[in-house]
Amino acid sequence: MNYRSILIATAQVLGLFVSGFVIPLLGQVLALFTPLPLILISVRNGRNEGLVTLAASSLVMAALGGWQAAAILCLSFGLMAVGISEGMRRNLKPEQTSLLGGLLPIAALSAIVIFYLARVGKNPIMEVDAYLRESLIAAAKTYTSMGLTEMAAMVSSIPETYIHNLARLVPGILIATSVMQAACCFGIAHAILMRKPGTDQAPGQPSLAAWHAPDSWVWGLIAALALIVVPQKTAQLAGWNLAILFAVVYLAQGSAIVDHYLRKANIKTFGRGLVLALVLALPSIVFVIALGIVDIWADFRKVRVPAQTA
């Protein structure tokens, strides 16, 4: 067992995780990549080293920040890293690896929260609803204390129906966010390992520019849109939650198309990342999602030709 690698990876995990608490904004972004050192050591050095690193990081975090912080580190970032590293070690497809890494922490945390709320006799959706309302009230008070009265008035004027519906879309938002985070961590880990594998399990998945979701997934999107138009509230909410997840899937596919053409234009990695970030930060994100959906039939990159002729 390589204890030096474990020590370095543990320090990296703790550094990324703690940055979310001590560095405003940028630290919260860095904290999203906490699974990355765990993924790399697990794929490079083996499953045991990865688990030891996770255990060591959790124990140190428990000593520094309490068991709650350690539980978040282990059950969210840790389980995500376990899912992604196992997917990479088993050479699963990128979408399967991202789903595995994204859904593992959601399943674990949801089970714990639902079990706890059921024991105390509380409804999870109503608790989310109450949390959102309290957060908006707190935000309005903060803006008022800072003299930003217009911002406080805007927050206070958010309709009750908006909060009501948003609380019921939380499942789709959480799943989509977790899967997207897992996909980003997987992509970065894959790029690092391809440059310097250092392992017998060097990943052989295609780059982002060549990736596309399984074409059969479009039926999930069609089902989501069909549920949205059904004149029944529960069915509509289920449809919107599914639509959020598939929007992320086809956003990734649209981003892959953009990345493909940026590569053809010989734009370097940093430039491609900057262009993608700008495109996704603007209203053009809707166009990127539409591009990903149309690609199912148009096949802009001709990446499906080998599968059709095989």
Protein backbone atom coordinates (compact mmCIF):
# COMPACT_ATOMS: atom_id res chain seq x y z
CA MET A 1 0.00 0.00 0.00
CA ASN A 2 1.43 3.37 -1.08
CA TYR A 3 1.13 5.47 2.09
CA ARG A 4 2.79 8.49 0.48
CA SER A 5 0.11 8.62 -2.21
CA ILE A 6 -2.59 8.17 0.44
CA LEU A 7 -1.18 11.05 2.50
CA ILE A 8 -0.99 13.36 -0.53
CA ALA A 9 -4.50 12.46 -1.70
CA THR A 10 -5.90 12.94 1.83
CA ALA A 11 -4.37 16.42 2.00
CA GLN A 12 -5.85 17.25 -1.42
CA VAL A 13 -9.31 16.01 -0.44
CA LEU A 14 -9.29 18.01 2.80
CA GLY A 15 -7.94 21.10 1.04
CA LEU A 16 -10.69 21.07 -1.58
CA PHE A 17 -13.44 20.26 0.91
CA VAL A 18 -12.41 22.86 3.51
CA SER A 19 -12.04 25.55 0.84
CA GLY A 20 -15.82 25.53 0.51
CA PHE A 21 -16.10 26.80 4.09
CA VAL A 22 -13.25 29.31 4.22
CA ILE A 23 -13.01 30.85 0.71
CA PRO A 24 -16.04 32.84 -0.52
CA LEU A 25 -17.53 31.73 -3.85
CA LEU A 26 -14.33 30.35 -5.43
CA GLY A 27 -13.94 27.92 -2.52
CA GLN A 28 -17.46 26.60 -3.05
CA VAL A 29 -16.62 25.94 -6.69
CA LEU A 30 -13.37 24.17 -5.74
CA ALA A 31 -15.21 22.05 -3.17
CA LEU A 32 -17.29 20.51 -5.96
CA PHE A 33 -14.13 18.76 -7.17
CA THR A 34 -13.42 17.09 -3.81
CA PRO A 35 -14.07 13.61 -5.32
CA LEU A 36 -11.24 14.09 -7.85
CA PRO A 37 -8.23 13.04 -5.69
CA LEU A 38 -10.22 10.05 -4.43
CA ILE A 39 -11.02 8.98 -8.00
CA LEU A 40 -7.41 9.31 -9.15
CA ILE A 41 -5.86 7.36 -6.29
CA SER A 42 -8.50 4.64 -6.54
CA VAL A 43 -7.96 4.14 -10.29
CA ARG A 44 -4.18 4.53 -10.19
CA ASN A 45 -3.34 2.69 -6.97
CA GLY A 46 -6.34 0.46 -6.41
CA ARG A 47 -9.65 0.30 -4.61
CA ASN A 48 -8.11 -0.29 -1.17
CA GLU A 49 -5.96 2.84 -1.33
CA GLY A 50 -9.00 4.85 -2.38
CA LEU A 51 -11.08 3.58 0.53
CA VAL A 52 -8.27 4.18 3.01
CA THR A 53 -7.91 7.74 1.73
CA LEU A 54 -11.65 8.31 2.12
CA ALA A 55 -11.59 6.88 5.66
CA ALA A 56 -8.56 8.98 6.63
CA SER A 57 -10.11 12.15 5.18
CA SER A 58 -13.38 11.52 7.03
CA LEU A 59 -11.62 10.88 10.35
CA VAL A 60 -9.54 14.06 10.07
CA MET A 61 -12.64 16.03 9.09
CA ALA A 62 -14.53 14.62 12.08
CA ALA A 63 -11.74 15.80 14.37
CA LEU A 64 -11.59 19.25 12.78
CA GLY A 65 -15.22 20.02 11.97
CA GLY A 66 -17.39 17.47 13.73
CA TRP A 67 -19.23 14.37 12.61
CA GLN A 68 -21.71 16.32 10.46
CA ALA A 69 -18.94 17.63 8.19
CA ALA A 70 -17.35 14.17 8.07
CA ALA A 71 -20.71 12.63 7.13
CA ILE A 72 -21.17 15.11 4.26
CA LEU A 73 -17.64 14.40 3.03
CA CYS A 74 -18.09 10.63 3.19
CA LEU A 75 -21.70 10.22 2.03
CA SER A 76 -21.73 12.85 -0.72
CA PHE A 77 -18.25 13.38 -2.19
CA GLY A 78 -16.92 10.03 -1.01
CA LEU A 79 -19.72 7.92 -2.49
CA MET A 80 -19.56 9.92 -5.71
CA ALA A 81 -15.84 9.12 -5.98
CA VAL A 82 -16.49 5.44 -5.25
CA GLY A 83 -19.12 5.25 -8.00
CA ILE A 84 -16.99 7.04 -10.59
CA SER A 85 -13.80 5.13 -9.81
CA GLU A 86 -15.62 1.79 -9.96
CA GLY A 87 -17.16 2.78 -13.29
CA MET A 88 -13.74 3.70 -14.65
CA ARG A 89 -12.09 0.57 -13.32
CA ARG A 90 -14.79 -1.56 -14.93
CA ASN A 91 -14.54 0.50 -18.15
CA LEU A 92 -18.22 1.42 -18.13
CA LYS A 93 -19.53 3.93 -20.65
CA PRO A 94 -19.17 7.61 -19.65
CA GLU A 95 -22.92 8.06 -19.13
CA GLN A 96 -23.09 4.93 -16.96
CA THR A 97 -20.12 6.07 -14.87
CA SER A 98 -21.60 9.55 -14.41
CA LEU A 99 -24.99 8.16 -13.43
CA LEU A 100 -23.41 5.74 -10.97
CA GLY A 101 -21.31 8.47 -9.37
CA GLY A 102 -24.16 10.96 -9.30
CA LEU A 103 -26.92 8.69 -8.03
CA LEU A 104 -25.02 6.90 -5.24
CA PRO A 105 -24.80 9.94 -2.91
CA ILE A 106 -28.35 11.03 -3.75
CA ALA A 107 -29.69 7.57 -2.88
CA ALA A 108 -27.77 7.39 0.41
CA LEU A 109 -28.58 10.92 1.58
CA SER A 110 -32.24 10.65 0.50
CA ALA A 111 -32.66 7.39 2.41
CA ILE A 112 -31.22 8.94 5.58
CA VAL A 113 -33.27 12.16 5.32
CA ILE A 114 -36.53 10.37 4.51
CA PHE A 115 -36.00 7.87 7.33
CA TYR A 116 -35.32 10.69 9.82
CA LEU A 117 -38.29 12.81 8.71
CA ALA A 118 -40.58 9.76 8.78
CA ARG A 119 -39.53 9.03 12.36
CA VAL A 120 -40.31 12.58 13.50
CA GLY A 121 -43.53 12.64 11.48
CA LYS A 122 -42.60 15.34 8.94
CA ASN A 123 -43.27 15.53 5.21
CA PRO A 124 -40.02 15.93 3.17
CA ILE A 125 -41.65 18.17 0.54
CA MET A 126 -43.22 20.41 3.19
CA GLU A 127 -39.85 20.70 4.93
CA VAL A 128 -38.19 21.77 1.67
CA ASP A 129 -41.02 24.26 1.12
CA ALA A 130 -40.50 25.73 4.59
CA TYR A 131 -36.72 25.86 4.11
CA LEU A 132 -37.06 27.79 0.85
CA ARG A 133 -39.44 30.31 2.43
CA GLU A 134 -37.16 30.83 5.42
CA SER A 135 -34.16 31.25 3.09
CA LEU A 136 -35.95 33.95 1.09
CA ILE A 137 -36.95 35.79 4.27
CA ALA A 138 -33.36 35.64 5.53
CA ALA A 139 -32.05 36.84 2.15
CA ALA A 140 -34.47 39.78 2.14
CA LYS A 141 -33.34 40.79 5.65
CA THR A 142 -29.68 40.56 4.59
CA TYR A 143 -30.25 42.76 1.55
CA THR A 144 -32.20 45.28 3.67
CA SER A 145 -29.37 45.47 6.22
CA MET A 146 -26.93 46.14 3.36
CA GLY A 147 -29.10 48.95 2.04
CA LEU A 148 -30.12 47.04 -1.08
CA THR A 149 -33.82 47.76 -0.68
CA GLU A 150 -34.70 47.08 -4.33
CA MET A 151 -33.10 43.64 -4.18
CA ALA A 152 -34.89 42.92 -0.88
CA ALA A 153 -38.22 43.97 -2.41
CA MET A 154 -37.62 41.74 -5.44
CA VAL A 155 -36.88 38.71 -3.23
CA SER A 156 -39.92 39.41 -1.05
CA SER A 157 -42.18 39.69 -4.11
CA ILE A 158 -41.48 36.14 -5.33
CA PRO A 159 -44.92 34.50 -5.70
CA GLU A 160 -46.00 31.73 -3.33
CA THR A 161 -46.81 29.48 -6.29
CA TYR A 162 -43.20 29.74 -7.47
CA ILE A 163 -41.88 28.56 -4.10
CA HIS A 164 -44.55 25.84 -3.96
CA ASN A 165 -43.60 24.44 -7.38
CA LEU A 166 -39.84 24.85 -6.84
CA ALA A 167 -40.02 22.71 -3.68
CA ARG A 168 -41.58 19.94 -5.73
CA LEU A 169 -38.89 20.17 -8.41
CA VAL A 170 -36.08 19.69 -5.89
CA PRO A 171 -35.72 15.93 -6.64
CA GLY A 172 -35.04 16.60 -10.32
CA ILE A 173 -32.74 19.53 -9.55
CA LEU A 174 -30.71 17.55 -7.01
CA ILE A 175 -30.33 14.50 -9.25
CA ALA A 176 -29.42 16.60 -12.29
CA THR A 177 -26.90 18.65 -10.30
CA SER A 178 -25.29 15.57 -8.77
CA VAL A 179 -25.01 13.76 -12.11
CA MET A 180 -23.58 16.89 -13.75
CA GLN A 181 -20.99 17.22 -10.95
CA ALA A 182 -20.09 13.55 -11.35
CA ALA A 183 -19.74 13.99 -15.11
CA CYS A 184 -17.38 16.95 -14.63
CA CYS A 185 -15.24 15.03 -12.10
CA PHE A 186 -15.18 12.02 -14.41
CA GLY A 187 -14.16 14.14 -17.39
CA ILE A 188 -11.28 15.80 -15.53
CA ALA A 189 -10.10 12.50 -14.04
CA HIS A 190 -10.26 10.86 -17.46
CA ALA A 191 -8.20 13.66 -19.02
CA ILE A 192 -5.55 13.43 -16.27
CA LEU A 193 -5.30 9.65 -16.49
CA MET A 194 -5.01 9.69 -20.27
CA ARG A 195 -2.04 12.07 -20.02
CA LYS A 196 -0.32 10.08 -17.29
CA PRO A 197 -2.18 6.81 -16.69
CA GLY A 198 0.13 5.14 -14.14
CA THR A 199 -2.33 2.28 -13.86
CA ASP A 200 -3.37 -0.95 -15.54
CA GLN A 201 -6.91 0.43 -15.76
CA ALA A 202 -6.11 3.33 -18.10
CA PRO A 203 -9.55 4.50 -19.31
CA GLY A 204 -10.37 4.03 -22.95
CA GLN A 205 -13.55 6.11 -23.19
CA PRO A 206 -13.83 8.75 -25.92
CA SER A 207 -13.20 12.43 -25.27
CA LEU A 208 -16.08 14.86 -24.68
CA ALA A 209 -15.99 15.88 -28.36
CA ALA A 210 -16.90 12.34 -29.46
CA TRP A 211 -19.47 11.57 -26.75
CA HIS A 212 -23.20 11.26 -27.25
CA ALA A 213 -25.99 9.93 -25.06
CA PRO A 214 -27.60 6.63 -26.09
CA ASP A 215 -30.17 7.49 -28.76
CA SER A 216 -32.83 5.45 -26.94
CA TRP A 217 -32.74 8.00 -24.11
CA VAL A 218 -34.80 10.35 -26.26
CA TRP A 219 -37.83 8.26 -25.29
CA GLY A 220 -37.30 9.37 -21.71
CA LEU A 221 -37.42 12.99 -22.85
CA ILE A 222 -40.56 12.29 -24.89
CA ALA A 223 -42.17 10.62 -21.86
CA ALA A 224 -41.27 13.64 -19.70
CA LEU A 225 -42.84 16.06 -22.19
CA ALA A 226 -45.93 13.86 -22.45
CA LEU A 227 -46.37 13.88 -18.66
CA ILE A 228 -46.06 17.68 -18.59
CA VAL A 229 -49.11 18.10 -20.86
CA VAL A 230 -51.22 15.59 -18.91
CA PRO A 231 -53.95 17.51 -17.03
CA GLN A 232 -52.96 16.04 -13.68
CA LYS A 233 -50.76 17.87 -11.18
CA THR A 234 -48.76 14.87 -9.93
CA ALA A 235 -48.03 13.69 -13.48
CA GLN A 236 -46.96 17.19 -14.50
CA LEU A 237 -44.54 17.49 -11.57
CA ALA A 238 -43.06 14.09 -12.40
CA GLY A 239 -42.70 15.22 -16.01
CA TRP A 240 -40.92 18.44 -15.04
CA ASN A 241 -38.51 16.57 -12.75
CA LEU A 242 -37.67 14.17 -15.58
CA ALA A 243 -37.36 17.05 -18.03
CA ILE A 244 -34.74 18.72 -15.81
CA LEU A 245 -32.63 15.55 -15.84
CA PHE A 246 -32.86 15.07 -19.62
CA ALA A 247 -32.13 18.77 -20.18
CA VAL A 248 -28.77 18.19 -18.45
CA VAL A 249 -28.14 15.09 -20.59
CA TYR A 250 -28.70 16.94 -23.86
CA LEU A 251 -26.87 19.99 -22.57
CA ALA A 252 -23.84 17.71 -22.22
CA GLN A 253 -24.40 16.36 -25.74
CA GLY A 254 -24.74 19.87 -27.15
CA SER A 255 -21.57 20.92 -25.31
CA ALA A 256 -19.77 17.93 -26.87
CA ILE A 257 -20.76 19.17 -30.34
CA VAL A 258 -19.47 22.67 -29.55
CA ASP A 259 -16.24 21.15 -28.22
CA HIS A 260 -15.91 19.06 -31.41
CA TYR A 261 -16.00 22.11 -33.67
CA LEU A 262 -13.70 24.09 -31.37
CA ARG A 263 -11.17 21.24 -31.64
CA LYS A 264 -11.51 21.29 -35.44
CA ALA A 265 -10.68 25.00 -35.27
CA ASN A 266 -7.45 24.07 -33.41
CA ILE A 267 -8.44 26.00 -30.29
CA LYS A 268 -6.42 24.94 -27.25
CA THR A 269 -7.88 23.39 -24.10
CA PHE A 270 -8.03 26.64 -22.12
CA GLY A 271 -9.71 28.46 -25.01
CA ARG A 272 -12.27 25.70 -25.48
CA GLY A 273 -13.06 25.72 -21.78
CA LEU A 274 -13.48 29.50 -21.80
CA VAL A 275 -15.79 29.45 -24.83
CA LEU A 276 -17.91 26.66 -23.34
CA ALA A 277 -18.15 28.49 -20.02
CA LEU A 278 -19.33 31.67 -21.78
CA VAL A 279 -21.84 29.79 -23.94
CA LEU A 280 -23.30 27.96 -20.95
CA ALA A 281 -23.45 31.10 -18.81
CA LEU A 282 -25.59 32.98 -21.37
CA PRO A 283 -29.13 32.39 -22.69
CA SER A 284 -27.42 30.47 -25.51
CA ILE A 285 -27.55 27.47 -23.14
CA VAL A 286 -31.06 26.81 -24.50
CA PHE A 287 -29.63 26.60 -28.02
CA VAL A 288 -26.98 24.13 -26.81
CA ILE A 289 -29.67 21.86 -25.32
CA ALA A 290 -31.67 22.03 -28.57
CA LEU A 291 -28.47 21.25 -30.52
CA GLY A 292 -27.95 18.13 -28.40
CA ILE A 293 -31.49 16.92 -29.07
CA VAL A 294 -31.33 17.57 -32.84
CA ASP A 295 -28.00 15.69 -32.97
CA ILE A 296 -29.90 12.45 -32.28
CA TRP A 297 -31.10 12.56 -35.88
CA ALA A 298 -28.62 14.94 -37.55
CA ASP A 299 -25.46 13.27 -36.18
CA PHE A 300 -23.41 16.42 -36.81
CA ARG A 301 -20.09 14.74 -35.92
CA LYS A 302 -20.84 11.42 -37.69
CA VAL A 303 -19.88 9.59 -34.49
CA ARG A 304 -22.58 6.97 -34.97
CA VAL A 305 -21.38 5.79 -38.39
CA PRO A 306 -19.06 3.02 -37.06
CA ALA A 307 -21.87 1.61 -34.92
CA GLN A 308 -24.25 1.59 -37.91
CA THR A 309 -21.84 -0.08 -40.31
CA ALA A 310 -20.46 -2.64 -37.85
